[in-house]
Amino acid sequence: MSEGVRRGLVLGGGGTLGAAWTIGALATLHDELGFDPRTAEMIVGTSAGAILAALLGAGASPHELYQHQLAEAVLEGPLAGQVFDYDHAAGGAVPLRPQRGVGSPKLIARSVRHPRRYPKTVVLSAFVPPGRGSLGDIGRMVEDVIPSGAWSTHPGVRVVAMDYDTGERVVFGEPGAPHIGLAEAVVASCSIPGWFTPAVIDGRRYVDGGTFSNTSLDLLVADSLPGGRPLDEVYVIAPMAARGYDRPRTALGRLERSFRHSVTRQMLLEARQVRQSGSRVVVLCPGQDDLVTLGVNLMDPSRRAEVLATARRTTTEFLGLSRAVA
């Protein structure tokens, strides 16, 4: 990798298995391209990507994240000696029965008054009953590497959530955003509507930033950056997007692929904006082999090891093909 090149890293949402896929892709980027994601000038994380942004910003390497996912002993870095139960930290593959009622009556009312203002996923999230799940273990893992109430030691870490009553995207870590601890921001970013209880911070409720945008790649448009200068390169890892589709036989599978298609379309629009502002954009997302391994339930932890291995293989093949074409 060239010295002095200003880089950005965008880590999208994708649940338990999406996080595993992202870690496999990060390890590949490091091994194949020599890109250490910890050196990125900006690191934008959403939902599962927010957890990894926090750990990278604290100094964890891709290979330490890989070892940690496999419950192997990590001997160096902020994860050294840490034991974490990835299989149960998010409550497992099935959510608790949600609470009664709708998630956000205020957001429903706003969307009725301004029907074109909000993405469809934002509006749909408002109708979902409030979840009962807890992300306390995730918050404590982040606090083990960044003290409670403190922000990342990496000044470019950004964590994306959504204000559940206004439907507005909130980018914690940006100037002007609510000043909170990194662990609080990560929990807010991961609070999937209907699955987890909305995060309450200073009297406001926040949910998964992926309801607004799975990647929020558009935050790295040059005009949005300090000084208005474009980054030279932006690497995007989007486990909920796809670069090839299969044809699932089940209704649930077809629904999941339809959602993936919409995520991909939005990400590509955002990538175009960033490219037009002057940055080179490299996108890594699952292909057909990955989709088979990931399945339709990305919160099912039983396939983490298989997803990690598949991501390493497919992203290595993809980068090798990309270099050959170039």
Protein backbone atom coordinates (compact mmCIF):
# COMPACT_ATOMS: atom_id res chain seq x y z
CA MET A 1 0.00 0.00 0.00
CA SER A 2 1.24 3.51 -0.82
CA GLU A 3 2.47 5.66 2.04
CA GLY A 4 0.71 8.94 2.68
CA VAL A 5 -2.56 7.78 1.11
CA ARG A 6 -5.62 8.94 3.03
CA ARG A 7 -8.07 6.07 3.46
CA GLY A 8 -11.54 5.53 4.82
CA LEU A 9 -13.20 2.34 6.02
CA VAL A 10 -16.96 1.69 6.06
CA LEU A 11 -18.33 -1.31 7.94
CA GLY A 12 -21.99 -2.12 7.31
CA GLY A 13 -24.52 -3.96 9.42
CA GLY A 14 -25.34 -7.64 9.15
CA GLY A 15 -26.01 -9.22 12.54
CA THR A 16 -23.92 -11.96 14.13
CA LEU A 17 -22.93 -13.61 10.86
CA GLY A 18 -22.42 -10.30 9.10
CA ALA A 19 -19.84 -9.41 11.74
CA ALA A 20 -18.07 -12.72 11.14
CA TRP A 21 -18.09 -12.16 7.38
CA THR A 22 -16.69 -8.66 7.84
CA ILE A 23 -13.84 -9.96 9.99
CA GLY A 24 -12.93 -12.48 7.29
CA ALA A 25 -12.93 -9.70 4.70
CA LEU A 26 -10.81 -7.43 6.92
CA ALA A 27 -8.21 -10.17 7.33
CA THR A 28 -8.14 -10.62 3.56
CA LEU A 29 -7.69 -6.90 2.94
CA HIS A 30 -4.74 -6.94 5.31
CA ASP A 31 -3.11 -10.03 3.82
CA GLU A 32 -3.77 -9.41 0.14
CA LEU A 33 -3.47 -5.62 -0.10
CA GLY A 34 -1.38 -4.79 2.94
CA PHE A 35 -4.11 -2.48 4.23
CA ASP A 36 -4.18 -2.27 8.01
CA PRO A 37 -7.73 -1.03 8.73
CA ARG A 38 -6.57 0.53 11.99
CA THR A 39 -4.69 3.14 9.96
CA ALA A 40 -7.79 4.41 8.17
CA GLU A 41 -8.35 8.10 8.70
CA MET A 42 -12.12 7.58 9.03
CA ILE A 43 -13.84 4.41 10.28
CA VAL A 44 -17.63 4.43 9.93
CA GLY A 45 -19.52 1.59 11.62
CA THR A 46 -23.20 0.71 11.57
CA SER A 47 -24.85 -1.97 13.71
CA ALA A 48 -22.53 -5.01 13.72
CA GLY A 49 -20.03 -2.82 11.89
CA ALA A 50 -20.11 -0.41 14.82
CA ILE A 51 -18.77 -3.10 17.15
CA LEU A 52 -15.87 -3.76 14.81
CA ALA A 53 -15.22 -0.05 14.28
CA ALA A 54 -14.92 0.32 18.06
CA LEU A 55 -12.50 -2.61 18.36
CA LEU A 56 -10.37 -1.52 15.40
CA GLY A 57 -10.26 2.02 16.76
CA ALA A 58 -9.05 0.62 20.08
CA GLY A 59 -6.16 -1.10 18.27
CA ALA A 60 -7.38 -4.66 17.64
CA SER A 61 -5.94 -6.09 14.42
CA PRO A 62 -8.00 -8.09 11.89
CA HIS A 63 -6.23 -11.29 12.89
CA GLU A 64 -6.85 -10.67 16.58
CA LEU A 65 -10.55 -10.18 15.74
CA TYR A 66 -10.42 -13.45 13.76
CA GLN A 67 -8.86 -15.33 16.67
CA HIS A 68 -11.35 -13.84 19.09
CA GLN A 69 -14.29 -14.97 16.95
CA LEU A 70 -12.95 -18.53 17.04
CA ALA A 71 -12.42 -18.41 20.82
CA GLU A 72 -8.67 -18.75 20.33
CA ALA A 73 -6.35 -17.11 22.83
CA VAL A 74 -5.45 -13.55 21.85
CA LEU A 75 -2.05 -12.72 23.30
CA GLU A 76 -1.60 -9.11 22.23
CA GLY A 77 -3.67 -5.97 21.76
CA PRO A 78 -6.82 -4.78 23.52
CA LEU A 79 -8.50 -8.20 23.24
CA ALA A 80 -5.67 -10.03 25.02
CA GLY A 81 -7.09 -12.28 27.72
CA GLN A 82 -10.69 -11.37 26.93
CA VAL A 83 -13.26 -14.15 26.83
CA PHE A 84 -16.52 -13.40 25.03
CA ASP A 85 -19.53 -15.60 24.33
CA TYR A 86 -20.37 -14.81 20.71
CA ASP A 87 -23.03 -17.51 20.65
CA HIS A 88 -25.21 -15.92 23.31
CA ALA A 89 -24.19 -12.24 23.56
CA ALA A 90 -27.01 -11.13 21.26
CA GLY A 91 -29.53 -13.61 22.64
CA GLY A 92 -29.15 -16.34 20.05
CA ALA A 93 -30.81 -17.00 16.73
CA VAL A 94 -34.39 -16.18 17.74
CA PRO A 95 -35.61 -12.97 19.42
CA LEU A 96 -37.66 -12.85 22.58
CA ARG A 97 -41.36 -12.26 22.13
CA PRO A 98 -41.65 -8.49 21.51
CA GLN A 99 -43.66 -6.11 23.63
CA ARG A 100 -47.15 -5.02 22.66
CA GLY A 101 -47.87 -1.97 20.55
CA VAL A 102 -45.85 -0.20 17.86
CA GLY A 103 -42.28 0.89 18.24
CA SER A 104 -42.57 4.61 17.53
CA PRO A 105 -45.95 6.34 17.28
CA LYS A 106 -44.16 9.69 16.90
CA LEU A 107 -42.21 8.48 13.89
CA ILE A 108 -45.37 7.03 12.35
CA ALA A 109 -47.05 10.43 12.70
CA ARG A 110 -44.06 12.18 11.14
CA SER A 111 -43.96 9.77 8.22
CA VAL A 112 -47.66 10.36 7.56
CA ARG A 113 -47.09 14.12 7.44
CA HIS A 114 -43.93 13.79 5.31
CA PRO A 115 -44.30 10.51 3.37
CA ARG A 116 -41.32 11.12 1.05
CA ARG A 117 -38.90 12.26 3.70
CA TYR A 118 -37.92 8.88 5.13
CA PRO A 119 -36.48 5.67 3.64
CA LYS A 120 -38.95 2.78 3.62
CA THR A 121 -36.94 0.91 6.21
CA VAL A 122 -37.25 3.85 8.62
CA VAL A 123 -41.03 3.90 8.26
CA LEU A 124 -41.34 0.13 8.61
CA SER A 125 -39.21 0.16 11.76
CA ALA A 126 -41.68 2.50 13.43
CA PHE A 127 -44.47 -0.10 13.16
CA VAL A 128 -42.43 -2.97 14.62
CA PRO A 129 -43.33 -3.82 18.25
CA PRO A 130 -40.58 -2.88 20.74
CA GLY A 131 -38.10 -5.67 21.33
CA ARG A 132 -37.11 -7.19 24.66
CA GLY A 133 -33.55 -8.31 23.94
CA SER A 134 -30.53 -6.87 25.72
CA LEU A 135 -27.17 -5.81 24.30
CA GLY A 136 -25.53 -5.46 27.70
CA ASP A 137 -22.81 -8.00 26.92
CA ILE A 138 -21.89 -6.10 23.74
CA GLY A 139 -21.65 -2.85 25.68
CA ARG A 140 -19.46 -4.46 28.33
CA MET A 141 -17.13 -5.91 25.68
CA VAL A 142 -16.59 -2.41 24.26
CA GLU A 143 -16.07 -1.00 27.76
CA ASP A 144 -13.35 -3.60 28.32
CA VAL A 145 -11.27 -1.84 25.65
CA ILE A 146 -12.60 1.74 25.94
CA PRO A 147 -13.57 2.92 29.45
CA SER A 148 -17.21 3.67 30.17
CA GLY A 149 -18.16 7.18 29.11
CA ALA A 150 -15.05 7.65 26.94
CA TRP A 151 -14.88 7.89 23.17
CA SER A 152 -12.44 6.06 20.93
CA THR A 153 -8.78 6.99 21.01
CA HIS A 154 -9.04 6.95 17.20
CA PRO A 155 -10.40 10.40 16.26
CA GLY A 156 -12.01 9.17 13.03
CA VAL A 157 -14.34 6.55 14.53
CA ARG A 158 -18.01 7.24 13.73
CA VAL A 159 -20.95 5.16 14.93
CA VAL A 160 -24.32 5.45 13.20
CA ALA A 161 -27.71 5.10 14.89
CA MET A 162 -31.22 6.43 14.28
CA ASP A 163 -33.33 8.60 16.55
CA TYR A 164 -36.42 6.43 16.92
CA ASP A 165 -38.83 9.32 17.38
CA THR A 166 -37.62 11.64 14.62
CA GLY A 167 -36.31 9.11 12.08
CA GLU A 168 -33.12 11.14 11.70
CA ARG A 169 -29.69 9.59 11.32
CA VAL A 170 -27.36 10.34 14.23
CA VAL A 171 -23.61 9.97 13.75
CA PHE A 172 -21.95 9.65 17.13
CA GLY A 173 -18.38 10.93 17.12
CA GLU A 174 -19.14 13.76 14.72
CA PRO A 175 -18.87 17.37 15.91
CA GLY A 176 -22.29 18.44 17.11
CA ALA A 177 -23.53 14.91 17.84
CA PRO A 178 -24.62 13.99 21.39
CA HIS A 179 -21.53 13.51 23.53
CA ILE A 180 -21.73 9.96 24.85
CA GLY A 181 -19.46 7.01 25.51
CA LEU A 182 -18.43 4.69 22.69
CA ALA A 183 -20.10 1.67 24.31
CA GLU A 184 -23.41 3.54 24.53
CA ALA A 185 -23.14 4.52 20.87
CA VAL A 186 -22.41 0.94 19.79
CA VAL A 187 -25.38 -0.43 21.72
CA ALA A 188 -27.62 2.21 20.15
CA SER A 189 -26.32 1.38 16.67
CA CYS A 190 -27.01 -2.34 17.20
CA SER A 191 -30.53 -2.04 18.65
CA ILE A 192 -32.52 -3.80 15.92
CA PRO A 193 -36.20 -2.75 16.13
CA GLY A 194 -38.38 -5.60 17.30
CA TRP A 195 -35.38 -7.61 18.50
CA PHE A 196 -33.71 -5.39 21.09
CA THR A 197 -35.04 -2.72 23.41
CA PRO A 198 -34.33 0.76 21.98
CA ALA A 199 -31.31 2.40 23.62
CA VAL A 200 -32.27 5.38 25.78
CA ILE A 201 -29.61 8.10 26.02
CA ASP A 202 -30.34 11.43 27.68
CA GLY A 203 -34.06 10.81 27.33
CA ARG A 204 -33.94 10.02 23.61
CA ARG A 205 -34.48 6.58 22.05
CA TYR A 206 -32.11 5.20 19.45
CA VAL A 207 -32.23 2.11 17.24
CA ASP A 208 -30.07 0.34 14.69
CA GLY A 209 -28.47 2.78 12.24
CA GLY A 210 -29.07 0.28 9.46
CA THR A 211 -32.72 1.26 9.45
CA PHE A 212 -31.60 4.50 7.81
CA SER A 213 -28.70 3.16 5.73
CA ASN A 214 -26.94 -0.16 6.03
CA THR A 215 -23.54 1.42 5.39
CA SER A 216 -23.92 5.24 5.57
CA LEU A 217 -21.14 5.34 3.01
CA ASP A 218 -22.35 8.79 1.95
CA LEU A 219 -20.82 10.19 5.18
CA LEU A 220 -17.47 10.01 3.36
CA VAL A 221 -18.49 12.32 0.52
CA ALA A 222 -15.77 14.96 0.46
CA ASP A 223 -18.08 17.85 1.45
CA SER A 224 -18.97 15.97 4.65
CA LEU A 225 -15.35 15.50 5.74
CA PRO A 226 -13.24 17.88 7.81
CA GLY A 227 -11.73 20.41 5.45
CA GLY A 228 -13.89 19.20 2.57
CA ARG A 229 -11.02 17.20 1.05
CA PRO A 230 -11.78 13.78 -0.47
CA LEU A 231 -10.12 10.67 0.87
CA ASP A 232 -7.87 8.95 -1.64
CA GLU A 233 -9.39 5.49 -1.10
CA VAL A 234 -12.48 4.20 0.67
CA TYR A 235 -12.90 0.52 1.48
CA VAL A 236 -16.46 -0.68 2.07
CA ILE A 237 -17.34 -4.01 3.66
CA ALA A 238 -21.07 -4.60 3.36
CA PRO A 239 -22.19 -8.08 4.47
CA MET A 240 -25.88 -7.27 3.85
CA ALA A 241 -25.25 -6.34 0.19
CA ALA A 242 -24.44 -8.85 -2.55
CA ARG A 243 -22.41 -9.11 -5.76
CA GLY A 244 -24.35 -12.08 -7.06
CA TYR A 245 -27.65 -13.71 -6.20
CA ASP A 246 -28.92 -17.24 -5.88
CA ARG A 247 -32.56 -18.33 -6.07
CA PRO A 248 -33.77 -19.51 -2.68
CA ARG A 249 -36.78 -21.81 -2.71
CA THR A 250 -38.39 -20.62 0.50
CA ALA A 251 -40.53 -17.51 0.90
CA LEU A 252 -38.26 -16.33 3.72
CA GLY A 253 -35.22 -16.78 1.52
CA ARG A 254 -36.77 -14.76 -1.29
CA LEU A 255 -37.73 -12.02 1.17
CA GLU A 256 -34.17 -11.88 2.51
CA ARG A 257 -32.71 -11.65 -0.99
CA SER A 258 -35.16 -8.86 -1.86
CA PHE A 259 -33.98 -6.90 1.17
CA ARG A 260 -30.38 -7.57 0.16
CA HIS A 261 -31.12 -6.20 -3.28
CA SER A 262 -32.43 -2.93 -1.81
CA VAL A 263 -29.41 -2.64 0.49
CA THR A 264 -27.08 -3.18 -2.48
CA ARG A 265 -28.88 -0.59 -4.58
CA GLN A 266 -28.64 2.06 -1.85
CA MET A 267 -24.98 1.27 -1.18
CA LEU A 268 -24.09 1.58 -4.86
CA LEU A 269 -25.84 4.96 -5.04
CA GLU A 270 -23.83 6.12 -2.04
CA ALA A 271 -20.64 4.73 -3.58
CA ARG A 272 -21.31 6.74 -6.73
CA GLN A 273 -21.61 9.90 -4.64
CA VAL A 274 -18.29 9.24 -2.92
CA ARG A 275 -16.56 8.46 -6.23
CA GLN A 276 -17.93 11.63 -7.78
CA SER A 277 -16.52 13.61 -4.85
CA GLY A 278 -13.02 12.39 -5.74
CA SER A 279 -12.38 9.12 -3.86
CA ARG A 280 -11.59 5.66 -5.19
CA VAL A 281 -14.10 3.21 -3.71
CA VAL A 282 -13.51 -0.53 -3.27
CA VAL A 283 -16.53 -2.61 -2.19
CA LEU A 284 -16.44 -6.07 -0.66
CA CYS A 285 -19.73 -7.89 -0.20
CA PRO A 286 -20.94 -11.51 -0.27
CA GLY A 287 -21.16 -13.52 -3.46
CA GLN A 288 -23.28 -16.59 -4.18
CA ASP A 289 -21.12 -19.00 -2.17
CA ASP A 290 -21.28 -16.66 0.81
CA LEU A 291 -25.05 -16.39 0.57
CA VAL A 292 -25.38 -20.16 0.83
CA THR A 293 -23.19 -20.19 3.93
CA LEU A 294 -24.85 -17.16 5.53
CA GLY A 295 -28.37 -18.50 5.05
CA VAL A 296 -31.36 -16.30 5.76
CA ASN A 297 -30.92 -15.77 9.53
CA LEU A 298 -27.87 -13.62 10.12
CA MET A 299 -28.41 -13.76 13.89
CA ASP A 300 -27.79 -17.54 13.98
CA PRO A 301 -24.34 -17.97 15.57
CA SER A 302 -23.97 -21.66 14.74
CA ARG A 303 -22.34 -20.95 11.35
CA ARG A 304 -19.80 -18.33 12.44
CA ALA A 305 -16.71 -20.44 11.80
CA GLU A 306 -17.96 -21.52 8.38
CA VAL A 307 -18.83 -17.94 7.45
CA LEU A 308 -15.36 -16.75 8.49
CA ALA A 309 -13.66 -19.38 6.36
CA THR A 310 -15.89 -18.79 3.35
CA ALA A 311 -15.39 -15.03 3.52
CA ARG A 312 -11.61 -15.49 3.54
CA ARG A 313 -11.80 -17.67 0.43
CA THR A 314 -14.28 -15.64 -1.59
CA THR A 315 -12.79 -12.22 -0.82
CA THR A 316 -9.31 -13.52 -1.67
CA GLU A 317 -10.63 -14.79 -5.00
CA PHE A 318 -12.47 -11.53 -5.66
CA LEU A 319 -9.45 -9.33 -4.96
CA GLY A 320 -7.24 -11.58 -7.05
CA LEU A 321 -9.65 -11.38 -9.98
CA SER A 322 -9.95 -7.62 -9.57
CA ARG A 323 -6.17 -7.21 -9.75
CA ALA A 324 -5.98 -9.48 -12.81
CA VAL A 325 -8.65 -7.44 -14.61
CA ALA A 326 -6.98 -4.17 -13.68
